[in-house]
Amino acid sequence: MSNHVKLAIYEPGNEGKKGRYFTLRLKTFVGKERSVFRPPSKALVIPSIAGDFQDFLETLLKFQVIDRKHQWIYEDGHIILNGNYLSKQTKKAECLWYIYGLEERAFRRGGHVHFILGMDELMLLNEKKWIDQHPDYAFSRKRSSGQSYSILYDGNNELLRWLRTKNIVEKIGSSLFLNKEIAAEILMSGLPITEINKSSFEDRYKGLAFSLDLCSIQNIVEKYDVQTIVTGNYHIAETVSYSNGTIIDVPASKKEALLIQNESFYRVFSDKEKVELTL
């Protein structure tokens, strides 16, 4: 794909408001995402937004990841999107296109977007209907400003290619990140992280909601050489840590996120309050 191809897409949830759209450039190449990363200067964990596009935008704005023009302002920080971003979203493509474009804007500013697949995304890979549907394009011709925008002839196939490069578990610094619904099933497999991610599209994880005992958790952290397992969990109201601080569950909430900085964990709130998490 040429990096000169630009799309302009209306924001879901704002169809009645003229001019509310976002733009992105198509990537020249989509390659498999790395599974292991060095710790960044700061990382913000934002779990499932259950497919609510406007809640997602509000979260990014409140935690100063983007500005009102959708530009990345989180400097060299990373954001970690811990799966299940499509639960209630009928317009699945728009939410994915936004994250697709955010990746590029973050990269240009020295930041990084980690989009970790949850059960919703894994199931989406097996659906066909959404692939042929087009997003709600804002423009499909040259505007008076001189900007030229395109439409795609193959629907959302570029998104499908991009989704297949994503991981279901990543090791960032001394922590593992993945979605709560498939955490136990994945980690009990005992496979190396890179092998888990390679097999994620051939093997359909069932999302079994079983828990791990303390002995199993200890075996997992030793095997993967980590100190903490961070999951996204939309069944809880606030960030919690348990199993002697080894597991941190972060809620799906536009009011709260998890900040990781200098190997410490903080609950951060939309009113800019910051509370260190006791592990």
Protein backbone atom coordinates (compact mmCIF):
# COMPACT_ATOMS: atom_id res chain seq x y z
CA MET A 1 0.00 0.00 0.00
CA SER A 2 1.23 3.49 -0.80
CA ASN A 3 1.73 5.86 2.09
CA HIS A 4 0.19 8.56 -0.12
CA VAL A 5 -3.21 6.87 0.21
CA LYS A 6 -5.22 8.77 2.82
CA LEU A 7 -8.65 8.03 4.26
CA ALA A 8 -11.08 10.31 6.06
CA ILE A 9 -13.67 8.48 8.17
CA TYR A 10 -16.60 9.83 10.16
CA GLU A 11 -16.52 9.18 13.91
CA PRO A 12 -19.13 6.62 15.00
CA GLY A 13 -21.58 8.13 17.46
CA ASN A 14 -21.28 11.59 15.90
CA GLU A 15 -23.16 11.03 12.67
CA GLY A 16 -25.40 14.01 13.36
CA LYS A 17 -22.50 16.42 13.82
CA LYS A 18 -21.00 17.68 10.59
CA GLY A 19 -17.23 17.67 10.31
CA ARG A 20 -16.42 15.13 13.06
CA TYR A 21 -14.04 12.77 11.33
CA PHE A 22 -10.50 11.42 11.59
CA THR A 23 -7.87 10.81 8.93
CA LEU A 24 -5.14 8.24 8.46
CA ARG A 25 -2.56 7.05 5.95
CA LEU A 26 -2.35 3.47 4.77
CA LYS A 27 0.82 1.68 5.79
CA THR A 28 3.38 0.75 3.16
CA PHE A 29 3.98 -2.54 4.94
CA VAL A 30 2.37 -4.53 7.75
CA GLY A 31 4.70 -6.99 9.48
CA LYS A 32 4.33 -9.20 12.51
CA GLU A 33 4.53 -7.25 15.77
CA ARG A 34 7.35 -8.05 18.17
CA SER A 35 6.38 -10.07 21.25
CA VAL A 36 9.00 -8.68 23.68
CA PHE A 37 9.79 -5.01 24.39
CA ARG A 38 12.13 -3.08 26.65
CA PRO A 39 10.33 -1.03 29.33
CA PRO A 40 9.30 2.40 27.98
CA SER A 41 9.64 5.66 29.90
CA LYS A 42 5.94 5.39 30.68
CA ALA A 43 3.09 3.11 29.65
CA LEU A 44 -0.65 3.59 29.98
CA VAL A 45 -2.88 0.50 30.05
CA ILE A 46 -6.37 1.05 28.62
CA PRO A 47 -8.40 -2.20 28.56
CA SER A 48 -11.62 -2.97 26.70
CA ILE A 49 -13.85 -0.03 25.85
CA ALA A 50 -16.58 -2.51 24.82
CA GLY A 51 -16.76 -1.03 21.35
CA ASP A 52 -17.79 2.50 22.38
CA PHE A 53 -15.81 4.70 20.01
CA GLN A 54 -16.68 7.98 21.73
CA ASP A 55 -15.69 6.58 25.15
CA PHE A 56 -12.37 5.53 23.65
CA LEU A 57 -11.73 9.03 22.26
CA GLU A 58 -12.73 10.62 25.56
CA THR A 59 -10.30 8.33 27.40
CA LEU A 60 -7.40 9.20 25.09
CA LEU A 61 -8.16 12.90 25.49
CA LYS A 62 -8.56 12.85 29.28
CA PHE A 63 -5.31 10.99 29.78
CA GLN A 64 -3.54 13.33 27.34
CA VAL A 65 -2.62 10.70 24.78
CA ILE A 66 -4.08 12.74 21.90
CA ASP A 67 -5.28 16.29 21.37
CA ARG A 68 -8.57 17.49 19.86
CA LYS A 69 -7.09 17.14 16.37
CA HIS A 70 -6.29 13.46 16.99
CA GLN A 71 -2.55 14.17 17.16
CA TRP A 72 -0.35 12.05 19.42
CA ILE A 73 0.90 14.07 22.44
CA TYR A 74 2.06 11.22 24.70
CA GLU A 75 5.67 11.80 23.61
CA ASP A 76 7.75 8.59 23.74
CA GLY A 77 5.22 6.83 25.96
CA HIS A 78 3.43 3.61 25.09
CA ILE A 79 -0.26 2.79 25.37
CA ILE A 80 -1.36 -0.80 25.84
CA LEU A 81 -4.84 -1.69 24.59
CA ASN A 82 -5.63 -4.99 26.29
CA GLY A 83 -8.20 -6.48 23.90
CA ASN A 84 -11.98 -6.71 23.51
CA TYR A 85 -12.44 -3.36 21.84
CA LEU A 86 -15.43 -4.40 19.76
CA SER A 87 -17.97 -5.94 22.14
CA LYS A 88 -20.92 -3.62 21.47
CA GLN A 89 -19.69 -2.00 18.30
CA THR A 90 -21.82 -2.57 15.23
CA LYS A 91 -19.44 -0.43 13.16
CA LYS A 92 -16.40 -2.54 13.93
CA ALA A 93 -14.20 -1.15 11.18
CA GLU A 94 -14.18 2.47 12.35
CA CYS A 95 -12.78 1.60 15.78
CA LEU A 96 -10.07 -0.57 14.24
CA TRP A 97 -9.21 2.04 11.61
CA TYR A 98 -8.70 4.60 14.36
CA ILE A 99 -6.23 2.38 16.23
CA TYR A 100 -4.54 1.55 12.91
CA GLY A 101 -3.95 5.28 12.26
CA LEU A 102 -3.00 6.03 15.87
CA GLU A 103 -0.13 3.55 15.59
CA GLU A 104 1.48 5.57 12.82
CA ARG A 105 1.00 8.91 14.59
CA ALA A 106 2.57 7.46 17.76
CA PHE A 107 5.52 6.03 15.83
CA ARG A 108 6.30 9.40 14.24
CA ARG A 109 6.54 10.97 17.74
CA GLY A 110 8.62 8.17 19.25
CA GLY A 111 5.71 6.44 20.99
CA HIS A 112 4.11 3.06 20.49
CA VAL A 113 0.63 1.53 20.45
CA HIS A 114 0.33 -2.07 21.63
CA PHE A 115 -2.97 -3.51 20.36
CA ILE A 116 -3.33 -6.89 22.07
CA LEU A 117 -6.06 -9.16 20.77
CA GLY A 118 -8.90 -10.34 23.00
CA MET A 119 -11.67 -12.84 22.30
CA ASP A 120 -13.69 -10.24 20.37
CA GLU A 121 -10.85 -9.63 17.92
CA LEU A 122 -10.04 -13.33 17.55
CA MET A 123 -13.67 -14.09 16.72
CA LEU A 124 -13.75 -11.17 14.29
CA LEU A 125 -10.97 -12.81 12.29
CA ASN A 126 -13.33 -15.68 11.59
CA GLU A 127 -16.19 -13.46 10.41
CA LYS A 128 -16.47 -12.52 6.75
CA LYS A 129 -19.32 -10.02 6.55
CA TRP A 130 -17.46 -7.05 8.06
CA ILE A 131 -14.49 -7.42 5.71
CA ASP A 132 -16.51 -6.41 2.63
CA GLN A 133 -18.19 -3.48 4.39
CA HIS A 134 -16.76 -0.01 3.93
CA PRO A 135 -16.29 2.50 6.73
CA ASP A 136 -18.33 5.70 6.62
CA TYR A 137 -16.02 7.81 4.49
CA ALA A 138 -16.06 11.55 5.16
CA PHE A 139 -14.51 12.49 1.80
CA SER A 140 -13.78 10.62 -1.40
CA ARG A 141 -12.38 13.36 -3.59
CA LYS A 142 -9.99 16.30 -3.54
CA ARG A 143 -11.05 19.09 -1.21
CA SER A 144 -10.58 22.82 -1.58
CA SER A 145 -7.71 22.62 0.93
CA GLY A 146 -5.75 20.56 -1.57
CA GLN A 147 -5.98 17.37 0.49
CA SER A 148 -6.95 14.33 -1.55
CA TYR A 149 -8.70 11.40 0.15
CA SER A 150 -9.40 7.93 -1.17
CA ILE A 151 -11.85 5.08 -0.76
CA LEU A 152 -10.79 1.44 -0.76
CA TYR A 153 -11.77 -1.00 -3.47
CA ASP A 154 -11.35 -4.06 -1.22
CA GLY A 155 -13.30 -2.93 1.85
CA ASN A 156 -11.55 -3.78 5.11
CA ASN A 157 -9.04 -6.32 3.82
CA GLU A 158 -6.18 -4.03 4.86
CA LEU A 159 -7.53 -4.18 8.42
CA LEU A 160 -7.65 -7.96 8.25
CA ARG A 161 -4.00 -8.07 7.18
CA TRP A 162 -3.13 -5.68 10.01
CA LEU A 163 -5.08 -7.65 12.65
CA ARG A 164 -3.17 -10.79 11.71
CA THR A 165 0.09 -9.09 12.71
CA LYS A 166 -1.10 -8.51 16.28
CA ASN A 167 -0.30 -10.52 19.38
CA ILE A 168 -2.44 -12.04 22.11
CA VAL A 169 0.30 -11.72 24.73
CA GLU A 170 3.29 -9.38 25.02
CA LYS A 171 6.15 -9.03 27.47
CA ILE A 172 6.99 -5.40 28.12
CA GLY A 173 9.75 -4.88 30.64
CA SER A 174 9.10 -7.24 33.53
CA SER A 175 5.35 -7.64 32.91
CA LEU A 176 3.12 -9.78 30.73
CA PHE A 177 0.08 -8.15 29.10
CA LEU A 178 -2.98 -9.98 27.78
CA ASN A 179 -6.76 -10.08 27.99
CA LYS A 180 -8.42 -11.56 31.09
CA GLU A 181 -10.77 -13.87 29.17
CA ILE A 182 -7.99 -15.98 27.72
CA ALA A 183 -5.19 -15.36 30.22
CA ALA A 184 -5.35 -18.67 32.07
CA GLU A 185 -5.79 -20.74 28.94
CA ILE A 186 -2.81 -19.12 27.23
CA LEU A 187 -0.39 -19.05 30.15
CA MET A 188 -1.09 -22.63 31.18
CA SER A 189 -0.05 -23.77 27.69
CA GLY A 190 3.58 -23.28 28.71
CA LEU A 191 4.58 -22.26 25.19
CA PRO A 192 7.16 -19.50 24.60
CA ILE A 193 5.53 -16.11 23.99
CA THR A 194 6.57 -16.00 20.34
CA GLU A 195 5.08 -19.46 19.76
CA ILE A 196 1.81 -18.47 21.44
CA ASN A 197 1.53 -15.49 19.11
CA LYS A 198 2.42 -17.51 16.03
CA SER A 199 -0.28 -20.06 16.75
CA SER A 200 -2.98 -17.62 17.82
CA PHE A 201 -4.77 -17.66 14.46
CA GLU A 202 -4.57 -21.39 13.86
CA ASP A 203 -5.84 -22.31 17.35
CA ARG A 204 -9.07 -20.72 18.51
CA TYR A 205 -8.83 -19.96 22.20
CA LYS A 206 -12.11 -20.70 23.93
CA GLY A 207 -11.98 -17.95 26.53
CA LEU A 208 -12.43 -20.33 29.42
CA ALA A 209 -13.07 -18.37 32.60
CA PHE A 210 -11.08 -20.50 35.00
CA SER A 211 -8.69 -19.09 37.59
CA LEU A 212 -5.11 -19.93 38.46
CA ASP A 213 -3.99 -21.02 41.89
CA LEU A 214 -1.01 -19.33 43.55
CA CYS A 215 1.33 -22.21 42.72
CA SER A 216 0.42 -22.06 39.02
CA ILE A 217 0.90 -18.29 38.97
CA GLN A 218 4.33 -18.64 40.53
CA ASN A 219 5.31 -21.22 37.92
CA ILE A 220 4.15 -18.87 35.16
CA VAL A 221 6.11 -15.84 36.34
CA GLU A 222 9.22 -17.96 36.71
CA LYS A 223 8.84 -19.53 33.27
CA TYR A 224 8.34 -16.20 31.51
CA ASP A 225 10.81 -14.33 33.76
CA VAL A 226 8.35 -11.62 34.76
CA GLN A 227 7.19 -10.07 38.01
CA THR A 228 3.66 -9.05 37.06
CA ILE A 229 0.78 -10.18 34.82
CA VAL A 230 -1.46 -7.30 33.72
CA THR A 231 -4.89 -8.09 32.27
CA GLY A 232 -7.87 -6.11 31.06
CA ASN A 233 -11.14 -7.05 32.76
CA TYR A 234 -14.48 -5.38 32.03
CA HIS A 235 -16.21 -7.28 34.86
CA ILE A 236 -14.61 -5.14 37.60
CA ALA A 237 -15.15 -1.53 38.63
CA GLU A 238 -11.63 -0.55 39.71
CA THR A 239 -8.03 -1.70 39.37
CA VAL A 240 -7.19 -4.55 41.74
CA SER A 241 -4.06 -6.58 42.46
CA TYR A 242 -3.98 -10.04 43.99
CA SER A 243 -1.87 -13.19 44.31
CA ASN A 244 0.73 -11.23 46.31
CA GLY A 245 0.69 -8.43 43.73
CA THR A 246 1.57 -10.75 40.86
CA ILE A 247 -1.66 -10.13 38.92
CA ILE A 248 -3.15 -6.71 38.21
CA ASP A 249 -6.64 -6.47 36.71
CA VAL A 250 -7.47 -3.14 35.06
CA PRO A 251 -11.16 -2.23 34.53
CA ALA A 252 -12.75 -1.09 31.31
CA SER A 253 -13.41 2.49 32.36
CA LYS A 254 -13.00 5.92 30.82
CA LYS A 255 -12.41 7.25 34.34
CA GLU A 256 -9.44 5.08 35.27
CA ALA A 257 -6.32 3.60 33.67
CA LEU A 258 -3.08 2.01 34.83
CA LEU A 259 0.17 3.96 34.54
CA ILE A 260 3.50 2.13 34.66
CA GLN A 261 6.52 4.35 35.26
CA ASN A 262 9.95 3.55 36.73
CA GLU A 263 8.78 -0.01 37.47
CA SER A 264 5.97 1.32 39.69
CA PHE A 265 2.23 0.98 39.05
CA TYR A 266 -0.28 3.79 39.53
CA ARG A 267 -4.02 4.07 39.28
CA VAL A 268 -4.60 7.26 37.32
CA PHE A 269 -7.94 8.99 36.99
CA SER A 270 -9.54 11.33 34.49
CA ASP A 271 -9.34 14.18 37.03
CA LYS A 272 -5.51 13.68 36.94
CA GLU A 273 -5.37 12.10 40.40
CA LYS A 274 -2.58 9.52 40.66
CA VAL A 275 -2.44 6.79 43.34
CA GLU A 276 0.38 4.27 43.62
CA LEU A 277 -0.85 0.70 43.57
CA THR A 278 0.36 -1.31 46.56
CA LEU A 279 1.51 -4.75 45.39
